[in-house]
C-alpha cells in the first residue's frame, strides 16, 4: 500500500467518526428536550378594563357649517365701445386703471365739430320743412273758405285735390323726416361724450389723448363696485341644506375668508342668492351664487375682495333640530358610535342626517346623557369592560 492510499483511508475514517459524533450529540439533545417537564398555568390572568376618555352628549338645534371654495367675479362688467368715430380730445383724471368712477361721470370726449355741423344742417332742413308746412296749411285753409262760397258739390277725391291734401301730407312727411334727422344728429353729438354707465372700477383703458376712436372698438373695461359675486362649489348632497334668497325665505349666510392675505380675524359676509343650474366642469360640484355688498370695503373699511381670486367660504346650512352634534373623528366605521353603559362597551348604529367639515349630525342612535367613548380601543367587541379616566380602581 502506497502512502497516497494510506492518506485517503485515514481521511475517510476521520469523516465517518465526525458524523457519528454529530448524530450522537443531536440524539442526546433531543432526548433532553423530550424528557424536560413543562410548567402548567394553573389560573388565567384576569384582563383589566380598558381605560377610556368619554364625553356626554346632548340633543339640540344646530346650523351646520359647509366649508367650500369660491371664486370672486364681478356682478356688473362692461367693455366700453364708442358708438361714433372721432378723435379723443379730453380724458378725465379718474379715467385710468384702478380708479373709481361714478355713474354718469364723463370719462372721455370725442371731437364734436363734425356732429355739431351735422346738427346745424339738419336743423335748417327742419326749419325749411316747417315753414313749407305753415304755407301749405294756410293755402289749404284759404281753399276751404273759397269752396264754401261756391254752390257746388264735389266728391271726396275732388275735394282732396282742391284742398291740396296730397301736397300737405308730403310736406308733413318731410317735417317728420327732418325731425328724426335732427334727433339722430343730437344723439350722435351726445355720443361724443363717453360716460360711466354705473359706479365702477376701471380695470383697463385702451385709448389716450389724441387717439382715434372707432365704433365698436374697445375703449375701457369697467366693473361695478356696489356688489361682487362669489361662485362657490358645493357637493350635491349638501345642496339641499342651503336656503336661497330667490326662494323668498331667509337666505343662508356666508362667511368669506382669505387667511393667507387678510389674517385669521378678517372676513367678509355674503348671502346665498341662488343655485346655478349647472355643475362645475372640473370638480363636478354644484355651483351657487353668493352676493357680497361693498366688495371693496369703501364704506365698511373691510378688506377688499380681489376679482378672480379663490376664497375660503363657510355657508351656514339649514337649522337641524333635535340632533346630536358629534366630532367626525368619533364616528366609527359603518356610522357607528361607541358608548359606555354600565362600564361596558355598547356599539350603536348612528343615523347621520348631515356631515360638515367638523361634525356629524345624528338624529338617531344617541340620546341625552349618553357617554361617547373618545379613545381608540385595541379590542372592540360588544360588552368589553371599560373604565373611565379618573375613576378609582
Protein backbone atom coordinates (compact mmCIF):
# COMPACT_ATOMS: atom_id res chain seq x y z
CA UNK A 1 0.00 0.00 0.00
CA UNK A 2 1.36 3.37 -1.01
CA UNK A 3 1.49 6.48 1.15
CA UNK A 4 -1.21 8.16 -1.00
CA UNK A 5 -3.69 5.34 -0.48
CA UNK A 6 -3.00 5.32 3.27
CA UNK A 7 -3.81 9.07 3.50
CA UNK A 8 -7.15 8.61 1.70
CA UNK A 9 -8.22 5.86 4.09
CA UNK A 10 -7.28 7.96 7.11
CA UNK A 11 -9.36 10.93 5.83
CA UNK A 12 -12.40 8.76 5.21
CA UNK A 13 -12.15 7.28 8.68
CA UNK A 14 -11.99 10.76 10.21
CA UNK A 15 -15.14 11.91 8.37
CA UNK A 16 -17.07 8.82 9.48
CA UNK A 17 -16.08 9.39 13.12
CA UNK A 18 -17.19 13.10 12.96
CA UNK A 19 -20.59 12.18 11.51
CA UNK A 20 -21.14 9.58 14.22
CA UNK A 21 -20.25 12.09 16.95
CA UNK A 22 -22.67 14.70 15.49
CA UNK A 23 -25.51 12.17 15.38
CA UNK A 24 -24.82 11.13 18.95
CA UNK A 25 -24.89 14.76 20.20
CA UNK A 26 -28.12 15.52 18.29
CA UNK A 27 -29.80 12.45 19.73
CA UNK A 28 -28.77 13.45 23.25
CA UNK A 29 -30.18 16.99 22.90
CA UNK A 30 -33.46 15.63 21.51
CA UNK A 31 -33.78 13.26 24.46
CA UNK A 32 -33.23 16.08 26.99
CA UNK A 33 -35.90 18.33 25.40
CA UNK A 34 -38.36 15.48 25.15
CA UNK A 35 -37.99 14.40 28.73
CA UNK A 36 -37.93 18.01 30.27
CA UNK A 37 -41.07 18.71 32.33
CA UNK A 38 -43.42 21.60 31.09
CA UNK A 39 -44.69 24.20 33.55
CA UNK A 40 -48.51 24.36 33.55
CA UNK A 41 -50.50 27.67 34.17
CA UNK A 42 -52.87 26.90 36.97
CA UNK A 43 -55.01 30.10 36.76
CA UNK A 44 -55.62 32.52 33.84
CA UNK A 45 -54.77 36.19 34.34
CA UNK A 46 -57.87 38.36 34.59
CA UNK A 47 -57.98 41.12 31.87
CA UNK A 48 -58.12 44.65 33.30
CA UNK A 49 -60.84 47.04 32.00
CA UNK A 50 -59.64 49.35 29.21
CA UNK A 51 -59.11 52.95 30.29
CA UNK A 52 -61.16 55.37 28.14
CA UNK A 53 -61.95 59.04 27.83
CA UNK A 54 -65.63 59.93 27.27
CA UNK A 55 -67.86 62.89 26.51
CA UNK A 56 -71.51 63.28 27.45
CA UNK A 57 -73.74 64.28 24.52
CA UNK A 58 -77.00 66.21 24.46
CA UNK A 59 -79.51 66.87 21.71
CA UNK A 60 -80.03 70.39 20.41
CA UNK A 61 -80.64 72.61 17.38
CA UNK A 62 -77.65 73.34 15.18
CA UNK A 63 -76.81 75.03 11.89
CA UNK A 64 -74.12 73.07 10.05
CA UNK A 65 -71.18 74.96 8.59
CA UNK A 66 -70.44 73.98 5.00
CA UNK A 67 -66.83 74.80 4.08
CA UNK A 68 -66.24 75.26 0.34
CA UNK A 69 -64.09 77.24 -2.08
CA UNK A 70 -65.34 80.08 -4.21
CA UNK A 71 -64.11 82.40 -6.97
CA UNK A 72 -64.71 86.15 -6.89
CA UNK A 73 -66.33 87.59 -10.05
CA UNK A 74 -67.92 90.90 -10.97
CA UNK A 75 -71.70 91.21 -10.86
CA UNK A 76 -71.59 94.08 -13.37
CA UNK A 77 -68.98 94.18 -16.10
CA UNK A 78 -68.82 96.14 -19.33
CA UNK A 79 -66.36 96.88 -22.11
CA UNK A 80 -66.99 100.46 -23.24
CA UNK A 81 -67.13 100.86 -27.02
CA UNK A 82 -67.90 104.20 -28.75
CA UNK A 83 -70.95 104.46 -30.99
CA UNK A 84 -69.40 107.17 -33.19
CA UNK A 85 -66.00 107.90 -34.70
CA UNK A 86 -63.78 110.75 -33.60
CA UNK A 87 -60.55 111.99 -32.10
CA UNK A 88 -60.21 111.80 -28.32
CA UNK A 89 -59.80 115.44 -27.24
CA UNK A 90 -60.43 115.07 -23.49
CA UNK A 91 -59.81 112.39 -20.84
CA UNK A 92 -60.95 112.55 -17.22
CA UNK A 93 -58.34 112.38 -14.44
CA UNK A 94 -60.24 109.41 -12.97
CA UNK A 95 -60.22 107.54 -16.25
CA UNK A 96 -57.22 105.32 -15.55
CA UNK A 97 -56.72 101.73 -14.32
CA UNK A 98 -57.58 101.25 -10.64
CA UNK A 99 -59.61 104.45 -10.34
CA UNK A 100 -63.22 104.68 -9.18
CA UNK A 101 -65.79 106.45 -11.34
CA UNK A 102 -69.38 107.42 -10.62
CA UNK A 103 -72.43 106.63 -12.73
CA UNK A 104 -72.78 109.32 -15.43
CA UNK A 105 -69.26 110.69 -14.87
CA UNK A 106 -67.54 111.93 -18.04
CA UNK A 107 -64.63 109.64 -18.90
CA UNK A 108 -63.59 110.85 -22.34
CA UNK A 109 -64.79 113.24 -25.03
CA UNK A 110 -64.53 112.90 -28.79
CA UNK A 111 -64.17 115.84 -31.16
CA UNK A 112 -67.80 117.06 -31.63
CA UNK A 113 -67.18 119.51 -34.53
CA UNK A 114 -68.46 117.25 -37.32
CA UNK A 115 -71.53 116.29 -35.32
CA UNK A 116 -72.32 119.90 -34.41
CA UNK A 117 -72.17 120.85 -38.10
CA UNK A 118 -74.42 117.93 -38.97
CA UNK A 119 -76.91 119.04 -36.33
CA UNK A 120 -76.91 122.59 -37.64
CA UNK A 121 -77.56 121.38 -41.19
CA UNK A 122 -80.43 119.13 -40.15
CA UNK A 123 -81.96 121.88 -38.03
CA UNK A 124 -82.03 124.14 -41.09
CA UNK A 125 -83.71 121.41 -43.13
CA UNK A 126 -86.31 121.02 -40.39
CA UNK A 127 -86.94 124.75 -40.25
CA UNK A 128 -87.46 124.89 -44.02
CA UNK A 129 -89.88 121.94 -43.89
CA UNK A 130 -91.81 123.54 -41.03
CA UNK A 131 -92.04 126.82 -42.99
CA UNK A 132 -93.32 124.98 -46.05
CA UNK A 133 -95.88 123.24 -43.85
CA UNK A 134 -97.14 126.55 -42.50
CA UNK A 135 -97.56 127.93 -46.04
CA UNK A 136 -99.31 124.80 -47.26
CA UNK A 137 -101.69 124.78 -44.30
CA UNK A 138 -102.51 128.45 -44.98
CA UNK A 139 -103.25 127.67 -48.62
CA UNK A 140 -105.47 124.80 -47.62
CA UNK A 141 -107.48 126.97 -45.26
CA UNK A 142 -107.92 129.62 -47.98
CA UNK A 143 -109.21 127.00 -50.42
CA UNK A 144 -111.69 125.73 -47.83
CA UNK A 145 -113.09 129.24 -47.37
CA UNK A 146 -113.35 129.67 -51.14
CA UNK A 147 -115.14 126.36 -51.55
CA UNK A 148 -117.79 127.38 -49.04
CA UNK A 149 -118.61 130.41 -51.18
CA UNK A 150 -119.46 128.42 -54.30
CA UNK A 151 -122.67 126.48 -54.69
CA UNK A 152 -121.30 123.20 -55.96
CA UNK A 153 -120.95 119.67 -54.57
CA UNK A 154 -117.72 117.73 -55.24
CA UNK A 155 -116.71 114.17 -54.45
CA UNK A 156 -114.22 113.30 -51.73
CA UNK A 157 -111.38 112.70 -54.17
CA UNK A 158 -112.03 116.00 -55.92
CA UNK A 159 -112.20 117.81 -52.59
CA UNK A 160 -108.81 116.31 -51.59
CA UNK A 161 -107.27 117.75 -54.73
CA UNK A 162 -108.98 121.10 -54.26
CA UNK A 163 -107.76 121.39 -50.67
CA UNK A 164 -104.22 120.22 -51.69
CA UNK A 165 -104.26 117.36 -49.20
CA UNK A 166 -101.59 115.31 -51.08
CA UNK A 167 -99.23 118.29 -51.01
CA UNK A 168 -99.96 118.80 -47.33
CA UNK A 169 -99.22 115.14 -46.49
CA UNK A 170 -95.97 115.29 -48.45
CA UNK A 171 -94.77 118.31 -46.50
CA UNK A 172 -95.87 116.72 -43.19
CA UNK A 173 -93.79 113.65 -44.04
CA UNK A 174 -90.81 115.91 -44.81
CA UNK A 175 -91.20 117.56 -41.41
CA UNK A 176 -91.26 114.20 -39.60
CA UNK A 177 -88.18 113.01 -41.50
CA UNK A 178 -86.38 116.27 -40.69
CA UNK A 179 -87.32 115.93 -37.01
CA UNK A 180 -85.96 112.35 -36.95
CA UNK A 181 -82.76 113.54 -38.63
CA UNK A 182 -82.35 116.27 -36.01
CA UNK A 183 -82.94 113.77 -33.18
CA UNK A 184 -80.32 111.43 -34.69
CA UNK A 185 -77.82 114.29 -35.03
CA UNK A 186 -78.37 115.27 -31.39
CA UNK A 187 -77.93 111.63 -30.32
CA UNK A 188 -74.67 111.32 -32.25
CA UNK A 189 -73.46 114.56 -30.72
CA UNK A 190 -74.28 113.24 -27.23
CA UNK A 191 -72.38 110.05 -28.01
CA UNK A 192 -69.16 112.04 -28.36
CA UNK A 193 -69.23 112.19 -24.53
CA UNK A 194 -68.22 108.79 -23.08
CA UNK A 195 -69.68 108.37 -19.57
CA UNK A 196 -69.65 105.65 -16.92
CA UNK A 197 -72.85 103.54 -17.03
CA UNK A 198 -72.67 102.79 -13.26
CA UNK A 199 -70.41 103.21 -10.24
CA UNK A 200 -67.39 101.33 -11.44
CA UNK A 201 -63.74 100.40 -11.08
CA UNK A 202 -61.61 101.00 -14.17
CA UNK A 203 -59.70 97.78 -14.87
CA UNK A 204 -58.21 98.82 -18.19
CA UNK A 205 -58.12 101.82 -20.53
CA UNK A 206 -57.31 101.33 -24.22
CA UNK A 207 -57.29 104.94 -25.53
CA UNK A 208 -55.14 108.02 -24.97
CA UNK A 209 -55.47 111.71 -25.65
CA UNK A 210 -55.32 112.28 -29.41
CA UNK A 211 -56.10 108.70 -30.39
CA UNK A 212 -58.79 107.96 -32.96
CA UNK A 213 -61.82 106.17 -31.54
CA UNK A 214 -63.67 103.80 -33.83
CA UNK A 215 -67.24 102.50 -33.43
CA UNK A 216 -67.23 99.06 -31.80
CA UNK A 217 -63.55 99.19 -30.79
CA UNK A 218 -62.97 98.81 -27.02
CA UNK A 219 -62.06 101.93 -25.07
CA UNK A 220 -62.14 100.64 -21.48
CA UNK A 221 -63.00 97.70 -19.22
CA UNK A 222 -65.18 98.57 -16.19
CA UNK A 223 -66.67 96.52 -13.34
CA UNK A 224 -69.36 97.57 -10.87
CA UNK A 225 -68.22 98.29 -7.31
CA UNK A 226 -71.51 98.07 -5.40
CA UNK A 227 -71.65 94.28 -5.45
CA UNK A 228 -69.45 91.30 -6.30
CA UNK A 229 -70.37 87.65 -6.70
CA UNK A 230 -68.64 84.63 -5.22
CA UNK A 231 -69.26 81.47 -7.26
CA UNK A 232 -68.88 78.63 -4.74
CA UNK A 233 -68.82 74.89 -5.48
CA UNK A 234 -70.89 72.71 -3.12
CA UNK A 235 -71.34 68.90 -3.02
CA UNK A 236 -74.74 67.90 -4.36
CA UNK A 237 -75.62 66.11 -1.10
CA UNK A 238 -75.18 69.34 0.86
CA UNK A 239 -77.13 71.48 -1.57
CA UNK A 240 -80.47 70.50 -0.01
CA UNK A 241 -79.48 72.11 3.29
CA UNK A 242 -78.99 75.59 1.80
CA UNK A 243 -81.57 78.38 1.71
CA UNK A 244 -81.65 80.69 -1.31
CA UNK A 245 -82.74 84.32 -1.37
CA UNK A 246 -84.60 83.85 -4.65
CA UNK A 247 -86.95 81.39 -2.91
CA UNK A 248 -88.29 84.15 -0.66
CA UNK A 249 -87.03 82.58 2.58
CA UNK A 250 -84.30 83.94 4.82
CA UNK A 251 -81.16 83.07 2.84
CA UNK A 252 -78.16 81.21 4.16
CA UNK A 253 -75.37 83.48 5.36
CA UNK A 254 -71.83 83.03 4.05
CA UNK A 255 -68.54 83.96 5.69
CA UNK A 256 -65.69 84.63 3.27
CA UNK A 257 -62.06 84.47 4.36
CA UNK A 258 -58.63 84.85 2.79
CA UNK A 259 -56.46 83.83 5.73
CA UNK A 260 -53.17 83.95 3.88
CA UNK A 261 -53.83 87.58 2.92
CA UNK A 262 -56.23 89.05 5.49
CA UNK A 263 -55.24 87.02 8.56
CA UNK A 264 -57.50 84.92 10.80
CA UNK A 265 -59.54 87.81 12.24
CA UNK A 266 -60.65 89.44 8.98
CA UNK A 267 -63.60 88.22 6.91
CA UNK A 268 -66.41 89.35 4.63
CA UNK A 269 -70.09 88.44 4.82
CA UNK A 270 -72.37 87.48 1.96
CA UNK A 271 -75.76 85.98 1.16
CA UNK A 272 -76.52 82.82 -0.81
CA UNK A 273 -78.59 84.17 -3.68
CA UNK A 274 -79.37 81.22 -5.95
CA UNK A 275 -78.34 77.82 -7.27
CA UNK A 276 -76.68 77.97 -10.67
CA UNK A 277 -78.23 75.13 -12.63
CA UNK A 278 -75.01 73.57 -13.87
CA UNK A 279 -72.09 71.63 -12.40
CA UNK A 280 -68.55 72.92 -12.34
CA UNK A 281 -66.75 71.37 -15.31
CA UNK A 282 -63.61 70.47 -13.35
CA UNK A 283 -64.87 69.47 -9.90
CA UNK A 284 -68.35 68.24 -10.96
CA UNK A 285 -69.78 70.01 -7.91
CA UNK A 286 -72.90 72.17 -7.80
CA UNK A 287 -72.38 75.93 -8.14
CA UNK A 288 -74.12 78.53 -6.00
CA UNK A 289 -74.03 82.31 -6.30
CA UNK A 290 -73.19 84.39 -3.22
CA UNK A 291 -73.64 88.18 -3.29
CA UNK A 292 -71.30 90.47 -1.33
CA UNK A 293 -72.16 94.16 -0.98
CA UNK A 294 -69.49 96.88 -0.82
CA UNK A 295 -66.87 94.39 -2.04
CA UNK A 296 -64.02 96.90 -1.95
CA UNK A 297 -64.75 97.94 1.64
CA UNK A 298 -65.19 101.61 0.75
CA UNK A 299 -67.91 102.11 3.35
CA UNK A 300 -67.11 99.48 5.98
CA UNK A 301 -63.32 99.51 5.88
CA UNK A 302 -63.38 95.71 5.49
CA UNK A 303 -60.65 94.00 3.43
CA UNK A 304 -61.35 94.26 -0.30
CA UNK A 305 -62.24 91.32 -2.48
CA UNK A 306 -60.00 90.78 -5.49
CA UNK A 307 -61.56 89.67 -8.74
CA UNK A 308 -60.73 86.12 -9.90
CA UNK A 309 -59.21 85.24 -6.52
CA UNK A 310 -60.05 81.97 -4.72
CA UNK A 311 -61.54 82.42 -1.24
CA UNK A 312 -62.48 80.10 1.60
CA UNK A 313 -66.25 80.23 2.08
CA UNK A 314 -68.26 78.88 5.00
CA UNK A 315 -72.01 78.69 4.31
CA UNK A 316 -74.49 78.38 7.15
CA UNK A 317 -76.81 75.46 6.48
CA UNK A 318 -80.47 74.98 7.31
CA UNK A 319 -81.30 74.54 11.02
CA UNK A 320 -81.22 70.91 12.17
CA UNK A 321 -83.49 70.31 15.15
CA UNK A 322 -83.22 67.78 17.99
CA UNK A 323 -79.95 66.21 16.87
CA UNK A 324 -76.64 65.27 18.48
CA UNK A 325 -73.59 67.08 17.09
CA UNK A 326 -70.55 64.81 17.31
CA UNK A 327 -67.00 65.37 16.17
CA UNK A 328 -66.49 63.35 12.98
CA UNK A 329 -63.35 61.73 14.47
CA UNK A 330 -65.56 59.89 16.96
CA UNK A 331 -67.90 58.46 14.34
CA UNK A 332 -66.63 54.91 13.87
CA UNK A 333 -66.59 52.79 10.66
CA UNK A 334 -70.04 51.92 9.36
CA UNK A 335 -71.55 55.03 11.02
CA UNK A 336 -71.34 53.51 14.48
CA UNK A 337 -70.54 55.13 17.82
CA UNK A 338 -69.03 53.62 20.96
CA UNK A 339 -70.95 54.27 24.15
CA UNK A 340 -70.02 53.28 27.71
CA UNK A 341 -73.01 51.74 29.50
CA UNK A 342 -72.66 50.15 32.96
CA UNK A 343 -68.88 50.18 32.48
CA UNK A 344 -69.21 48.14 29.31
CA UNK A 345 -68.81 48.96 25.65
CA UNK A 346 -72.03 49.38 23.68
CA UNK A 347 -71.72 49.68 19.90
CA UNK A 348 -74.57 51.77 18.47
CA UNK A 349 -75.64 52.38 14.90
CA UNK A 350 -75.98 56.13 14.32
CA UNK A 351 -78.47 57.71 11.93
CA UNK A 352 -76.40 60.52 10.40
CA UNK A 353 -78.52 63.11 8.58
CA UNK A 354 -75.72 65.53 7.67
CA UNK A 355 -71.96 65.96 7.77
CA UNK A 356 -69.93 69.13 7.54
CA UNK A 357 -66.17 69.54 7.73
CA UNK A 358 -66.01 69.06 11.52
CA UNK A 359 -69.17 67.39 12.79
CA UNK A 360 -71.67 64.64 12.12
CA UNK A 361 -75.29 65.47 12.97
CA UNK A 362 -77.06 62.40 14.40
CA UNK A 363 -80.83 62.09 14.69
CA UNK A 364 -80.95 58.51 15.99
CA UNK A 365 -78.79 56.08 17.95
CA UNK A 366 -77.77 58.51 20.70
CA UNK A 367 -79.83 60.04 23.48
CA UNK A 368 -79.34 62.84 26.00
CA UNK A 369 -76.79 61.83 28.63
CA UNK A 370 -75.10 59.08 26.63
CA UNK A 371 -71.34 58.91 27.15
CA UNK A 372 -69.49 58.51 23.88
CA UNK A 373 -66.08 56.85 24.01
CA UNK A 374 -63.38 59.06 22.52
CA UNK A 375 -60.43 56.71 22.98
CA UNK A 376 -59.39 54.36 20.19
CA UNK A 377 -59.62 50.81 21.54
CA UNK A 378 -57.31 47.91 20.84
CA UNK A 379 -60.10 45.35 21.36
CA UNK A 380 -63.53 46.31 20.02
CA UNK A 381 -66.32 43.94 21.00
CA UNK A 382 -69.76 44.37 22.45
CA UNK A 383 -69.70 44.25 26.24
CA UNK A 384 -65.96 44.79 26.69
CA UNK A 385 -65.06 46.07 30.15
CA UNK A 386 -64.23 49.79 30.26
CA UNK A 387 -63.07 52.20 32.91
CA UNK A 388 -63.40 55.99 32.69
CA UNK A 389 -60.33 58.11 33.10
CA UNK A 390 -60.18 59.48 36.63
CA UNK A 391 -62.34 56.69 38.04
CA UNK A 392 -61.00 54.84 41.12
CA UNK A 393 -59.57 51.33 40.70
